[in-house]
PDB file of N, CA and C in Angstrom:
ATOM      1  N   MET A   1     -47.583 -36.588  17.828  1.00  0.00           N
ATOM      2  CA  MET A   1     -48.001 -35.971  18.636  1.00  0.00           C
ATOM      3  C   MET A   1     -48.276 -36.116  20.097  1.00  0.00           C
ATOM      4  N   SER A   2     -47.852 -35.804  21.007  1.00  0.00           N
ATOM      5  CA  SER A   2     -47.800 -36.887  22.938  1.00  0.00           C
ATOM      6  C   SER A   2     -48.648 -36.052  23.866  1.00  0.00           C
ATOM      7  N   GLN A   3     -48.825 -36.614  24.439  1.00  0.00           N
ATOM      8  CA  GLN A   3     -50.063 -36.048  25.767  1.00  0.00           C
ATOM      9  C   GLN A   3     -49.547 -35.747  26.855  1.00  0.00           C
ATOM     10  N   PRO A   4     -48.807 -34.641  27.565  1.00  0.00           N
ATOM     11  CA  PRO A   4     -48.747 -34.541  29.237  1.00  0.00           C
ATOM     12  C   PRO A   4     -50.035 -35.296  29.866  1.00  0.00           C
ATOM     13  N   ALA A   5     -49.620 -34.783  30.676  1.00  0.00           N
ATOM     14  CA  ALA A   5     -50.644 -35.263  31.744  1.00  0.00           C
ATOM     15  C   ALA A   5     -51.726 -34.979  32.429  1.00  0.00           C
ATOM     16  N   SER A   6     -52.270 -33.962  31.607  1.00  0.00           N
ATOM     17  CA  SER A   6     -53.443 -32.983  31.241  1.00  0.00           C
ATOM     18  C   SER A   6     -54.408 -33.597  29.906  1.00  0.00           C
ATOM     19  N   GLY A   7     -53.819 -34.580  29.341  1.00  0.00           N
ATOM     20  CA  GLY A   7     -54.406 -34.591  28.554  1.00  0.00           C
ATOM     21  C   GLY A   7     -54.667 -34.152  26.946  1.00  0.00           C
ATOM     22  N   ARG A   8     -53.961 -32.928  27.285  1.00  0.00           N
ATOM     23  CA  ARG A   8     -54.258 -32.004  26.066  1.00  0.00           C
ATOM     24  C   ARG A   8     -53.123 -32.728  25.299  1.00  0.00           C
ATOM     25  N   LEU A   9     -53.266 -31.890  23.822  1.00  0.00           N
ATOM     26  CA  LEU A   9     -52.271 -32.831  22.828  1.00  0.00           C
ATOM     27  C   LEU A   9     -51.174 -31.503  23.024  1.00  0.00           C
ATOM     28  N   VAL A  10     -50.210 -32.230  22.445  1.00  0.00           N
ATOM     29  CA  VAL A  10     -48.820 -31.167  22.413  1.00  0.00           C
ATOM     30  C   VAL A  10     -49.080 -30.838  20.727  1.00  0.00           C
ATOM     31  N   LEU A  11     -48.855 -29.474  20.651  1.00  0.00           N
ATOM     32  CA  LEU A  11     -48.790 -29.212  18.942  1.00  0.00           C
ATOM     33  C   LEU A  11     -48.232 -29.307  18.426  1.00  0.00           C
ATOM     34  N   GLY A  12     -47.418 -29.191  17.126  1.00  0.00           N
ATOM     35  CA  GLY A  12     -46.737 -29.915  16.765  1.00  0.00           C
ATOM     36  C   GLY A  12     -44.841 -29.251  16.952  1.00  0.00           C
ATOM     37  N   VAL A  13     -44.150 -29.833  17.973  1.00  0.00           N
ATOM     38  CA  VAL A  13     -43.133 -29.264  17.709  1.00  0.00           C
ATOM     39  C   VAL A  13     -42.475 -28.673  17.353  1.00  0.00           C
ATOM     40  N   GLN A  14     -42.391 -28.972  16.162  1.00  0.00           N
ATOM     41  CA  GLN A  14     -41.291 -28.297  14.668  1.00  0.00           C
ATOM     42  C   GLN A  14     -41.672 -26.971  14.318  1.00  0.00           C
ATOM     43  N   ASP A  15     -43.037 -26.380  14.606  1.00  0.00           N
ATOM     44  CA  ASP A  15     -43.534 -25.386  14.218  1.00  0.00           C
ATOM     45  C   ASP A  15     -43.865 -24.617  15.854  1.00  0.00           C
ATOM     46  N   SER A  16     -43.606 -24.657  16.954  1.00  0.00           N
ATOM     47  CA  SER A  16     -43.996 -23.341  17.687  1.00  0.00           C
ATOM     48  C   SER A  16     -43.273 -24.178  19.027  1.00  0.00           C
ATOM     49  N   SER A  17     -42.212 -25.236  18.889  1.00  0.00           N
ATOM     50  CA  SER A  17     -41.205 -25.521  20.272  1.00  0.00           C
ATOM     51  C   SER A  17     -40.353 -24.055  19.990  1.00  0.00           C
ATOM     52  N   MET A  18     -40.265 -23.529  21.994  1.00  0.00           N
ATOM     53  CA  MET A  18     -39.195 -22.614  22.118  1.00  0.00           C
ATOM     54  C   MET A  18     -37.957 -23.338  22.005  1.00  0.00           C
ATOM     55  N   LYS A  19     -36.542 -22.880  22.319  1.00  0.00           N
ATOM     56  CA  LYS A  19     -35.649 -23.324  22.574  1.00  0.00           C
ATOM     57  C   LYS A  19     -35.548 -22.315  23.536  1.00  0.00           C
ATOM     58  N   VAL A  20     -35.204 -22.822  25.031  1.00  0.00           N
ATOM     59  CA  VAL A  20     -35.306 -22.036  26.503  1.00  0.00           C
ATOM     60  C   VAL A  20     -33.733 -22.415  27.037  1.00  0.00           C
ATOM     61  N   SER A  21     -33.506 -22.126  27.500  1.00  0.00           N
ATOM     62  CA  SER A  21     -32.233 -22.540  29.050  1.00  0.00           C
ATOM     63  C   SER A  21     -32.543 -22.113  30.530  1.00  0.00           C
ATOM     64  N   ALA A  22     -31.963 -22.891  31.042  1.00  0.00           N
ATOM     65  CA  ALA A  22     -31.989 -23.258  32.373  1.00  0.00           C
ATOM     66  C   ALA A  22     -31.319 -21.943  32.844  1.00  0.00           C
ATOM     67  N   TRP A  23     -31.566 -21.317  34.110  1.00  0.00           N
ATOM     68  CA  TRP A  23     -31.549 -20.178  34.391  1.00  0.00           C
ATOM     69  C   TRP A  23     -31.383 -20.377  36.851  1.00  0.00           C
ATOM     70  N   PHE A  24     -30.901 -19.567  36.716  1.00  0.00           N
ATOM     71  CA  PHE A  24     -30.364 -20.019  38.322  1.00  0.00           C
ATOM     72  C   PHE A  24     -29.966 -17.941  38.951  1.00  0.00           C
ATOM     73  N   GLY A  25     -30.805 -18.155  39.878  1.00  0.00           N
ATOM     74  CA  GLY A  25     -29.928 -16.409  40.830  1.00  0.00           C
ATOM     75  C   GLY A  25     -31.251 -16.678  42.119  1.00  0.00           C
ATOM     76  N   SER A  26     -30.199 -15.766  42.803  1.00  0.00           N
ATOM     77  CA  SER A  26     -31.029 -15.734  44.440  1.00  0.00           C
ATOM     78  C   SER A  26     -31.508 -16.699  44.835  1.00  0.00           C
ATOM     79  N   GLY A  27     -30.438 -17.569  44.353  1.00  0.00           N
ATOM     80  CA  GLY A  27     -30.907 -19.428  45.011  1.00  0.00           C
ATOM     81  C   GLY A  27     -32.089 -20.349  44.561  1.00  0.00           C
ATOM     82  N   SER A  28     -32.914 -19.133  43.356  1.00  0.00           N
ATOM     83  CA  SER A  28     -33.443 -20.735  43.253  1.00  0.00           C
ATOM     84  C   SER A  28     -33.303 -20.796  41.101  1.00  0.00           C
ATOM     85  N   TYR A  29     -33.951 -21.106  41.095  1.00  0.00           N
ATOM     86  CA  TYR A  29     -34.034 -21.905  39.299  1.00  0.00           C
ATOM     87  C   TYR A  29     -34.905 -21.484  38.823  1.00  0.00           C
ATOM     88  N   GLY A  30     -34.169 -21.465  37.705  1.00  0.00           N
ATOM     89  CA  GLY A  30     -35.951 -21.263  36.684  1.00  0.00           C
ATOM     90  C   GLY A  30     -35.404 -21.369  35.156  1.00  0.00           C
ATOM     91  N   VAL A  31     -36.460 -20.972  34.238  1.00  0.00           N
ATOM     92  CA  VAL A  31     -35.936 -21.317  32.887  1.00  0.00           C
ATOM     93  C   VAL A  31     -36.131 -19.851  32.102  1.00  0.00           C
ATOM     94  N   ARG A  32     -35.287 -20.060  31.362  1.00  0.00           N
ATOM     95  CA  ARG A  32     -35.127 -18.203  30.572  1.00  0.00           C
ATOM     96  C   ARG A  32     -35.757 -18.710  29.440  1.00  0.00           C
ATOM     97  N   VAL A  33     -36.946 -17.615  29.026  1.00  0.00           N
ATOM     98  CA  VAL A  33     -37.703 -18.114  27.773  1.00  0.00           C
ATOM     99  C   VAL A  33     -36.956 -16.873  26.699  1.00  0.00           C
ATOM    100  N   GLY A  34     -36.272 -16.319  27.264  1.00  0.00           N
ATOM    101  CA  GLY A  34     -35.421 -15.195  26.245  1.00  0.00           C
ATOM    102  C   GLY A  34     -36.726 -14.052  25.732  1.00  0.00           C
ATOM    103  N   ILE A  35     -36.269 -13.009  25.040  1.00  0.00           N
ATOM    104  CA  ILE A  35     -37.071 -11.468  24.739  1.00  0.00           C
ATOM    105  C   ILE A  35     -38.124 -11.901  23.969  1.00  0.00           C
ATOM    106  N   GLU A  36     -37.245 -12.206  22.889  1.00  0.00           N
ATOM    107  CA  GLU A  36     -38.173 -12.786  21.481  1.00  0.00           C
ATOM    108  C   GLU A  36     -39.381 -14.395  21.804  1.00  0.00           C
ATOM    109  N   ASN A  37     -39.242 -15.185  22.429  1.00  0.00           N
ATOM    110  CA  ASN A  37     -40.214 -15.939  22.940  1.00  0.00           C
ATOM    111  C   ASN A  37     -41.331 -15.409  23.673  1.00  0.00           C
ATOM    112  N   ARG A  38     -40.807 -14.879  24.164  1.00  0.00           N
ATOM    113  CA  ARG A  38     -41.740 -14.121  25.356  1.00  0.00           C
ATOM    114  C   ARG A  38     -42.844 -13.023  24.981  1.00  0.00           C
ATOM    115  N   ASP A  39     -42.185 -12.215  23.794  1.00  0.00           N
ATOM    116  CA  ASP A  39     -42.949 -11.567  22.853  1.00  0.00           C
ATOM    117  C   ASP A  39     -44.093 -12.561  21.751  1.00  0.00           C
ATOM    118  N   ARG A  40     -43.764 -13.577  21.528  1.00  0.00           N
ATOM    119  CA  ARG A  40     -43.840 -14.846  20.471  1.00  0.00           C
ATOM    120  C   ARG A  40     -45.463 -15.342  21.345  1.00  0.00           C
ATOM    121  N   TYR A  41     -44.793 -16.145  22.456  1.00  0.00           N
ATOM    122  CA  TYR A  41     -45.747 -16.839  23.343  1.00  0.00           C
ATOM    123  C   TYR A  41     -46.610 -16.581  24.380  1.00  0.00           C
ATOM    124  N   PHE A  42     -46.370 -15.823  24.914  1.00  0.00           N
ATOM    125  CA  PHE A  42     -46.877 -14.927  26.400  1.00  0.00           C
ATOM    126  C   PHE A  42     -47.526 -13.361  26.065  1.00  0.00           C
ATOM    127  N   LYS A  43     -48.494 -13.376  26.986  1.00  0.00           N
ATOM    128  CA  LYS A  43     -49.184 -12.396  27.165  1.00  0.00           C
ATOM    129  C   LYS A  43     -49.175 -11.119  28.031  1.00  0.00           C
ATOM    130  N   SER A  44     -49.605 -10.206  27.660  1.00  0.00           N
ATOM    131  CA  SER A  44     -48.606  -9.448  28.813  1.00  0.00           C
ATOM    132  C   SER A  44     -50.255  -9.352  30.267  1.00  0.00           C
ATOM    133  N   SER A  45     -50.476  -9.739  29.986  1.00  0.00           N
ATOM    134  CA  SER A  45     -52.317 -10.042  30.886  1.00  0.00           C
ATOM    135  C   SER A  45     -52.204 -11.200  31.605  1.00  0.00           C
ATOM    136  N   TRP A  46     -51.257 -12.125  31.275  1.00  0.00           N
ATOM    137  CA  TRP A  46     -50.756 -13.337  32.261  1.00  0.00           C
ATOM    138  C   TRP A  46     -50.306 -13.034  33.575  1.00  0.00           C
ATOM    139  N   GLU A  47     -50.964 -13.861  34.860  1.00  0.00           N
ATOM    140  CA  GLU A  47     -49.430 -13.751  36.224  1.00  0.00           C
ATOM    141  C   GLU A  47     -49.508 -14.761  35.983  1.00  0.00           C
ATOM    142  N   SER A  48     -49.430 -15.833  36.030  1.00  0.00           N
ATOM    143  CA  SER A  48     -48.805 -17.192  35.931  1.00  0.00           C
ATOM    144  C   SER A  48     -48.918 -18.134  34.439  1.00  0.00           C
ATOM    145  N   ILE A  49     -48.190 -19.100  34.594  1.00  0.00           N
ATOM    146  CA  ILE A  49     -48.303 -19.772  33.533  1.00  0.00           C
ATOM    147  C   ILE A  49     -48.293 -21.037  34.346  1.00  0.00           C
ATOM    148  N   ILE A  50     -48.617 -22.224  33.352  1.00  0.00           N
ATOM    149  CA  ILE A  50     -49.062 -23.756  33.730  1.00  0.00           C
ATOM    150  C   ILE A  50     -47.582 -24.158  33.072  1.00  0.00           C
ATOM    151  N   VAL A  51     -46.994 -25.500  33.557  1.00  0.00           N
ATOM    152  CA  VAL A  51     -46.297 -26.549  33.086  1.00  0.00           C
ATOM    153  C   VAL A  51     -46.021 -27.218  33.162  1.00  0.00           C
ATOM    154  N   ALA A  52     -45.979 -28.074  32.814  1.00  0.00           N
ATOM    155  CA  ALA A  52     -46.399 -29.686  32.333  1.00  0.00           C
ATOM    156  C   ALA A  52     -44.339 -30.335  32.651  1.00  0.00           C
ATOM    157  N   ILE A  53     -44.659 -30.566  33.262  1.00  0.00           N
ATOM    158  CA  ILE A  53     -43.336 -30.810  33.389  1.00  0.00           C
ATOM    159  C   ILE A  53     -42.636 -32.765  34.408  1.00  0.00           C
ATOM    160  N   ASP A  54     -42.558 -33.793  33.981  1.00  0.00           N
ATOM    161  CA  ASP A  54     -42.451 -35.210  34.123  1.00  0.00           C
ATOM    162  C   ASP A  54     -44.087 -35.700  34.388  1.00  0.00           C
ATOM    163  N   LYS A  55     -44.997 -34.850  33.643  1.00  0.00           N
ATOM    164  CA  LYS A  55     -46.338 -35.867  33.438  1.00  0.00           C
ATOM    165  C   LYS A  55     -46.998 -34.952  34.595  1.00  0.00           C
ATOM    166  N   GLU A  56     -47.003 -33.735  35.470  1.00  0.00           N
ATOM    167  CA  GLU A  56     -47.606 -32.850  36.325  1.00  0.00           C
ATOM    168  C   GLU A  56     -47.311 -31.886  35.885  1.00  0.00           C
ATOM    169  N   GLU A  57     -48.709 -30.980  35.888  1.00  0.00           N
ATOM    170  CA  GLU A  57     -48.869 -29.595  36.155  1.00  0.00           C
ATOM    171  C   GLU A  57     -48.133 -28.828  37.012  1.00  0.00           C
ATOM    172  N   HIS A  58     -47.491 -27.385  36.684  1.00  0.00           N
ATOM    173  CA  HIS A  58     -47.197 -26.933  38.172  1.00  0.00           C
ATOM    174  C   HIS A  58     -47.368 -25.398  37.630  1.00  0.00           C
ATOM    175  N   THR A  59     -47.545 -24.698  38.489  1.00  0.00           N
ATOM    176  CA  THR A  59     -48.273 -23.503  37.786  1.00  0.00           C
ATOM    177  C   THR A  59     -46.689 -21.877  38.328  1.00  0.00           C
ATOM    178  N   PHE A  60     -45.985 -21.513  37.097  1.00  0.00           N
ATOM    179  CA  PHE A  60     -45.179 -20.458  38.105  1.00  0.00           C
ATOM    180  C   PHE A  60     -46.107 -19.144  38.042  1.00  0.00           C
ATOM    181  N   LYS A  61     -45.743 -17.958  38.515  1.00  0.00           N
ATOM    182  CA  LYS A  61     -45.938 -16.750  38.537  1.00  0.00           C
ATOM    183  C   LYS A  61     -44.964 -16.310  37.702  1.00  0.00           C
ATOM    184  N   LEU A  62     -45.032 -14.989  37.071  1.00  0.00           N
ATOM    185  CA  LEU A  62     -44.198 -14.311  36.513  1.00  0.00           C
ATOM    186  C   LEU A  62     -43.936 -13.128  37.299  1.00  0.00           C
ATOM    187  N   ALA A  63     -43.146 -13.005  37.696  1.00  0.00           N
ATOM    188  CA  ALA A  63     -42.746 -11.884  38.055  1.00  0.00           C
ATOM    189  C   ALA A  63     -42.977 -10.633  37.514  1.00  0.00           C
ATOM    190  N   ASN A  64     -42.982  -9.473  37.546  1.00  0.00           N
ATOM    191  CA  ASN A  64     -43.108  -8.273  36.672  1.00  0.00           C
ATOM    192  C   ASN A  64     -41.956  -8.201  35.930  1.00  0.00           C
ATOM    193  N   GLY A  65     -40.529  -8.603  36.242  1.00  0.00           N
ATOM    194  CA  GLY A  65     -39.248  -8.791  35.815  1.00  0.00           C
ATOM    195  C   GLY A  65     -39.500  -9.269  34.206  1.00  0.00           C
ATOM    196  N   PHE A  66     -40.452 -10.017  34.690  1.00  0.00           N
ATOM    197  CA  PHE A  66     -40.586 -10.690  33.255  1.00  0.00           C
ATOM    198  C   PHE A  66     -40.898  -9.783  31.611  1.00  0.00           C
ATOM    199  N   TRP A  67     -41.542  -9.574  32.121  1.00  0.00           N
ATOM    200  CA  TRP A  67     -41.937  -8.203  31.119  1.00  0.00           C
ATOM    201  C   TRP A  67     -41.037  -7.173  31.022  1.00  0.00           C
ATOM    202  N   ASN A  68     -39.471  -6.831  32.074  1.00  0.00           N
ATOM    203  CA  ASN A  68     -39.176  -5.583  31.527  1.00  0.00           C
ATOM    204  C   ASN A  68     -37.469  -6.771  30.307  1.00  0.00           C
ATOM    205  N   HIS A  69     -36.403  -6.650  31.622  1.00  0.00           N
ATOM    206  CA  HIS A  69     -35.008  -7.205  31.236  1.00  0.00           C
ATOM    207  C   HIS A  69     -34.876  -8.611  32.224  1.00  0.00           C
ATOM    208  N   CYS A  70     -35.927  -8.983  32.285  1.00  0.00           N
ATOM    209  CA  CYS A  70     -36.189 -11.035  33.249  1.00  0.00           C
ATOM    210  C   CYS A  70     -36.769 -11.890  32.721  1.00  0.00           C
ATOM    211  N   PRO A  71     -36.498 -12.167  31.420  1.00  0.00           N
ATOM    212  CA  PRO A  71     -37.803 -13.305  30.696  1.00  0.00           C
ATOM    213  C   PRO A  71     -37.534 -14.929  31.078  1.00  0.00           C
ATOM    214  N   GLU A  72     -37.772 -14.889  32.684  1.00  0.00           N
ATOM    215  CA  GLU A  72     -37.592 -16.125  32.566  1.00  0.00           C
ATOM    216  C   GLU A  72     -38.839 -16.060  33.802  1.00  0.00           C
ATOM    217  N   PHE A  73     -39.269 -17.525  33.939  1.00  0.00           N
ATOM    218  CA  PHE A  73     -40.113 -17.833  34.788  1.00  0.00           C
ATOM    219  C   PHE A  73     -39.281 -19.198  36.415  1.00  0.00           C
ATOM    220  N   ARG A  74     -39.801 -18.392  37.314  1.00  0.00           N
ATOM    221  CA  ARG A  74     -38.858 -19.315  37.986  1.00  0.00           C
ATOM    222  C   ARG A  74     -39.937 -20.044  38.997  1.00  0.00           C
ATOM    223  N   GLU A  75     -39.180 -20.717  40.331  1.00  0.00           N
ATOM    224  CA  GLU A  75     -39.705 -21.846  40.802  1.00  0.00           C
ATOM    225  C   GLU A  75     -39.849 -21.016  42.300  1.00  0.00           C
ATOM    226  N   SER A  76     -40.202 -21.579  43.248  1.00  0.00           N
ATOM    227  CA  SER A  76     -40.283 -20.909  44.405  1.00  0.00           C
ATOM    228  C   SER A  76     -39.327 -21.764  45.397  1.00  0.00           C
ATOM    229  N   LYS A  77     -38.259 -21.000  46.257  1.00  0.00           N
ATOM    230  CA  LYS A  77     -37.156 -21.662  47.051  1.00  0.00           C
ATOM    231  C   LYS A  77     -37.333 -22.695  47.880  1.00  0.00           C
ATOM    232  N   ASN A  78     -38.835 -22.925  47.930  1.00  0.00           N
ATOM    233  CA  ASN A  78     -39.265 -23.839  49.025  1.00  0.00           C
ATOM    234  C   ASN A  78     -39.872 -25.081  48.046  1.00  0.00           C
ATOM    235  N   SER A  79     -39.995 -24.941  47.096  1.00  0.00           N
ATOM    236  CA  SER A  79     -40.259 -25.627  46.131  1.00  0.00           C
ATOM    237  C   SER A  79     -39.407 -26.052  44.517  1.00  0.00           C
ATOM    238  N   PRO A  80     -38.531 -26.815  44.770  1.00  0.00           N
ATOM    239  CA  PRO A  80     -37.491 -26.644  43.892  1.00  0.00           C
ATOM    240  C   PRO A  80     -37.539 -27.441  42.911  1.00  0.00           C
ATOM    241  N   ILE A  81     -39.006 -27.567  41.909  1.00  0.00           N
ATOM    242  CA  ILE A  81     -39.404 -28.394  41.001  1.00  0.00           C
ATOM    243  C   ILE A  81     -38.597 -28.223  40.260  1.00  0.00           C
ATOM    244  N   ILE A  82     -37.770 -26.800  39.060  1.00  0.00           N
ATOM    245  CA  ILE A  82     -36.906 -27.129  38.055  1.00  0.00           C
ATOM    246  C   ILE A  82     -35.933 -27.845  38.244  1.00  0.00           C
ATOM    247  N   LYS A  83     -35.173 -27.130  39.786  1.00  0.00           N
ATOM    248  CA  LYS A  83     -33.858 -27.540  40.183  1.00  0.00           C
ATOM    249  C   LYS A  83     -33.708 -29.261  40.076  1.00  0.00           C
ATOM    250  N   ASN A  84     -35.012 -30.086  41.124  1.00  0.00           N
ATOM    251  CA  ASN A  84     -35.176 -31.266  40.379  1.00  0.00           C
ATOM    252  C   ASN A  84     -35.091 -31.579  39.490  1.00  0.00           C
ATOM    253  N   TRP A  85     -35.456 -31.690  38.250  1.00  0.00           N
ATOM    254  CA  TRP A  85     -35.606 -31.781  36.921  1.00  0.00           C
ATOM    255  C   TRP A  85     -34.581 -31.961  36.227  1.00  0.00           C
ATOM    256  N   LEU A  86     -33.772 -30.510  36.306  1.00  0.00           N
ATOM    257  CA  LEU A  86     -32.711 -30.309  36.402  1.00  0.00           C
ATOM    258  C   LEU A  86     -31.476 -31.030  36.309  1.00  0.00           C
ATOM    259  N   LEU A  87     -31.521 -31.472  37.733  1.00  0.00           N
ATOM    260  CA  LEU A  87     -30.744 -32.750  38.648  1.00  0.00           C
ATOM    261  C   LEU A  87     -31.182 -34.265  38.194  1.00  0.00           C
ATOM    262  N   LYS A  88     -32.081 -34.774  37.660  1.00  0.00           N
ATOM    263  CA  LYS A  88     -32.724 -35.647  36.698  1.00  0.00           C
ATOM    264  C   LYS A  88     -32.082 -35.283  35.304  1.00  0.00           C
ATOM    265  N   TYR A  89     -32.655 -34.738  34.486  1.00  0.00           N
ATOM    266  CA  TYR A  89     -32.034 -34.411  32.584  1.00  0.00           C
ATOM    267  C   TYR A  89     -30.346 -34.053  32.713  1.00  0.00           C
ATOM    268  N   LYS A  90     -30.672 -32.921  33.566  1.00  0.00           N
ATOM    269  CA  LYS A  90     -28.996 -32.056  32.714  1.00  0.00           C
ATOM    270  C   LYS A  90     -28.122 -31.943  33.786  1.00  0.00           C
ATOM    271  N   THR A  91     -27.993 -30.672  34.350  1.00  0.00           N
ATOM    272  CA  THR A  91     -26.952 -30.314  35.240  1.00  0.00           C
ATOM    273  C   THR A  91     -27.854 -29.132  36.335  1.00  0.00           C
ATOM    274  N   ILE A  92     -27.003 -28.951  37.115  1.00  0.00           N
ATOM    275  CA  ILE A  92     -27.452 -27.353  38.400  1.00  0.00           C
ATOM    276  C   ILE A  92     -26.224 -26.688  37.913  1.00  0.00           C
ATOM    277  N   ASP A  93     -24.940 -28.003  37.523  1.00  0.00           N
ATOM    278  CA  ASP A  93     -23.003 -27.204  37.792  1.00  0.00           C
ATOM    279  C   ASP A  93     -23.016 -27.065  36.516  1.00  0.00           C
ATOM    280  N   TRP A  94     -23.187 -25.969  35.610  1.00  0.00           N
ATOM    281  CA  TRP A  94     -22.974 -25.184  34.517  1.00  0.00           C
ATOM    282  C   TRP A  94     -21.561 -24.633  34.267  1.00  0.00           C
ATOM    283  N   PRO A  95     -20.677 -24.169  33.229  1.00  0.00           N
ATOM    284  CA  PRO A  95     -19.925 -23.961  33.272  1.00  0.00           C
ATOM    285  C   PRO A  95     -20.606 -22.220  32.685  1.00  0.00           C
ATOM    286  N   LYS A  96     -19.322 -21.102  33.324  1.00  0.00           N
ATOM    287  CA  LYS A  96     -20.408 -19.598  33.302  1.00  0.00           C
ATOM    288  C   LYS A  96     -20.505 -19.645  31.468  1.00  0.00           C
ATOM    289  N   TYR A  97     -21.817 -19.446  30.745  1.00  0.00           N
ATOM    290  CA  TYR A  97     -21.854 -18.798  29.829  1.00  0.00           C
ATOM    291  C   TYR A  97     -22.615 -20.000  28.569  1.00  0.00           C
ATOM    292  N   GLN A  98     -22.462 -20.882  30.160  1.00  0.00           N
ATOM    293  CA  GLN A  98     -23.070 -22.778  29.197  1.00  0.00           C
ATOM    294  C   GLN A  98     -24.127 -22.883  29.546  1.00  0.00           C
ATOM    295  N   THR A  99     -24.995 -22.529  30.118  1.00  0.00           N
ATOM    296  CA  THR A  99     -26.381 -23.278  30.962  1.00  0.00           C
ATOM    297  C   THR A  99     -27.233 -24.160  29.769  1.00  0.00           C
ATOM    298  N   PRO A 100     -27.758 -25.138  30.561  1.00  0.00           N
ATOM    299  CA  PRO A 100     -28.411 -26.277  30.055  1.00  0.00           C
ATOM    300  C   PRO A 100     -29.660 -25.480  28.774  1.00  0.00           C
ATOM    301  N   GLN A 101     -30.085 -26.331  28.065  1.00  0.00           N
ATOM    302  CA  GLN A 101     -30.397 -26.073  26.931  1.00  0.00           C
ATOM    303  C   GLN A 101     -31.552 -26.777  27.271  1.00  0.00           C
ATOM    304  N   MET A 102     -32.848 -26.493  25.865  1.00  0.00           N
ATOM    305  CA  MET A 102     -34.239 -27.701  26.478  1.00  0.00           C
ATOM    306  C   MET A 102     -35.097 -27.116  25.603  1.00  0.00           C
ATOM    307  N   GLU A 103     -36.286 -27.460  25.408  1.00  0.00           N
ATOM    308  CA  GLU A 103     -37.557 -26.865  24.401  1.00  0.00           C
ATOM    309  C   GLU A 103     -38.726 -26.435  25.671  1.00  0.00           C
ATOM    310  N   LEU A 104     -39.242 -25.176  25.494  1.00  0.00           N
ATOM    311  CA  LEU A 104     -40.840 -25.465  26.114  1.00  0.00           C
ATOM    312  C   LEU A 104     -41.710 -25.794  24.940  1.00  0.00           C
ATOM    313  N   VAL A 105     -42.603 -26.120  24.801  1.00  0.00           N
ATOM    314  CA  VAL A 105     -43.661 -26.259  24.101  1.00  0.00           C
ATOM    315  C   VAL A 105     -45.701 -25.431  24.686  1.00  0.00           C
ATOM    316  N   PRO A 106     -45.751 -24.828  23.646  1.00  0.00           N
ATOM    317  CA  PRO A 106     -47.014 -24.397  24.000  1.00  0.00           C
ATOM    318  C   PRO A 106     -48.041 -25.593  23.908  1.00  0.00           C
ATOM    319  N   ILE A 107     -49.162 -25.787  24.876  1.00  0.00           N
ATOM    320  CA  ILE A 107     -49.816 -26.812  24.475  1.00  0.00           C
ATOM    321  C   ILE A 107     -51.273 -26.293  24.721  1.00  0.00           C
ATOM    322  N   GLY A 108     -51.309 -24.964  24.925  1.00  0.00           N
ATOM    323  CA  GLY A 108     -53.037 -24.794  25.582  1.00  0.00           C
ATOM    324  C   GLY A 108     -52.903 -23.013  25.874  1.00  0.00           C
ATOM    325  N   GLU A 109     -53.503 -22.319  26.532  1.00  0.00           N
ATOM    326  CA  GLU A 109     -53.706 -21.440  26.704  1.00  0.00           C
ATOM    327  C   GLU A 109     -52.920 -21.267  28.324  1.00  0.00           C
ATOM    328  N   ARG A 110     -52.042 -20.418  28.156  1.00  0.00           N
ATOM    329  CA  ARG A 110     -50.793 -20.345  29.348  1.00  0.00           C
ATOM    330  C   ARG A 110     -50.527 -21.202  29.745  1.00  0.00           C
ATOM    331  N   SER A 111     -50.888 -22.552  28.808  1.00  0.00           N
ATOM    332  CA  SER A 111     -49.856 -23.471  29.465  1.00  0.00           C
ATOM    333  C   SER A 111     -49.138 -23.850  28.135  1.00  0.00           C
ATOM    334  N   PHE A 112     -47.953 -24.826  28.812  1.00  0.00           N
ATOM    335  CA  PHE A 112     -46.422 -25.192  28.307  1.00  0.00           C
ATOM    336  C   PHE A 112     -46.285 -26.627  28.406  1.00  0.00           C
ATOM    337  N   GLN A 113     -45.255 -27.275  27.837  1.00  0.00           N
ATOM    338  CA  GLN A 113     -44.803 -28.515  28.080  1.00  0.00           C
ATOM    339  C   GLN A 113     -42.764 -28.246  28.265  1.00  0.00           C
ATOM    340  N   LEU A 114     -42.600 -28.538  29.437  1.00  0.00           N
ATOM    341  CA  LEU A 114     -40.796 -28.864  29.447  1.00  0.00           C
ATOM    342  C   LEU A 114     -40.587 -30.188  28.743  1.00  0.00           C
ATOM    343  N   LEU A 115     -39.925 -29.432  28.093  1.00  0.00           N
ATOM    344  CA  LEU A 115     -39.239 -31.198  27.582  1.00  0.00           C
ATOM    345  C   LEU A 115     -37.571 -31.158  27.465  1.00  0.00           C
ATOM    346  N   VAL A 116     -36.791 -32.354  27.387  1.00  0.00           N
ATOM    347  CA  VAL A 116     -35.548 -32.568  27.218  1.00  0.00           C
ATOM    348  C   VAL A 116     -34.702 -32.074  26.189  1.00  0.00           C
TER     349      VAL A 116
END
């Protein structure tokens, strides 16, 4: 097991990691978790989540659409956290329908870690 910046232990990746993908729309980037992962790992009472990215924790608001047909969390346009992470480890120039894939690991209540 590894530890994010908060010191919390990451749950066993094999048992609880989610395959997720990059998302882009309206000038900002995000992480699409998908409907099945949303329903399994997220609570509808949550208004935001905390995601450990490169040893730093970031809070992302869950928009109303998250619970409808848009199961992704998004960065704010003036804080390109996900875009910068994609530039560092993946790409922001992907072919249509071939979005970069990554893992999102639950590490606590409302908390996750984004892995390459």
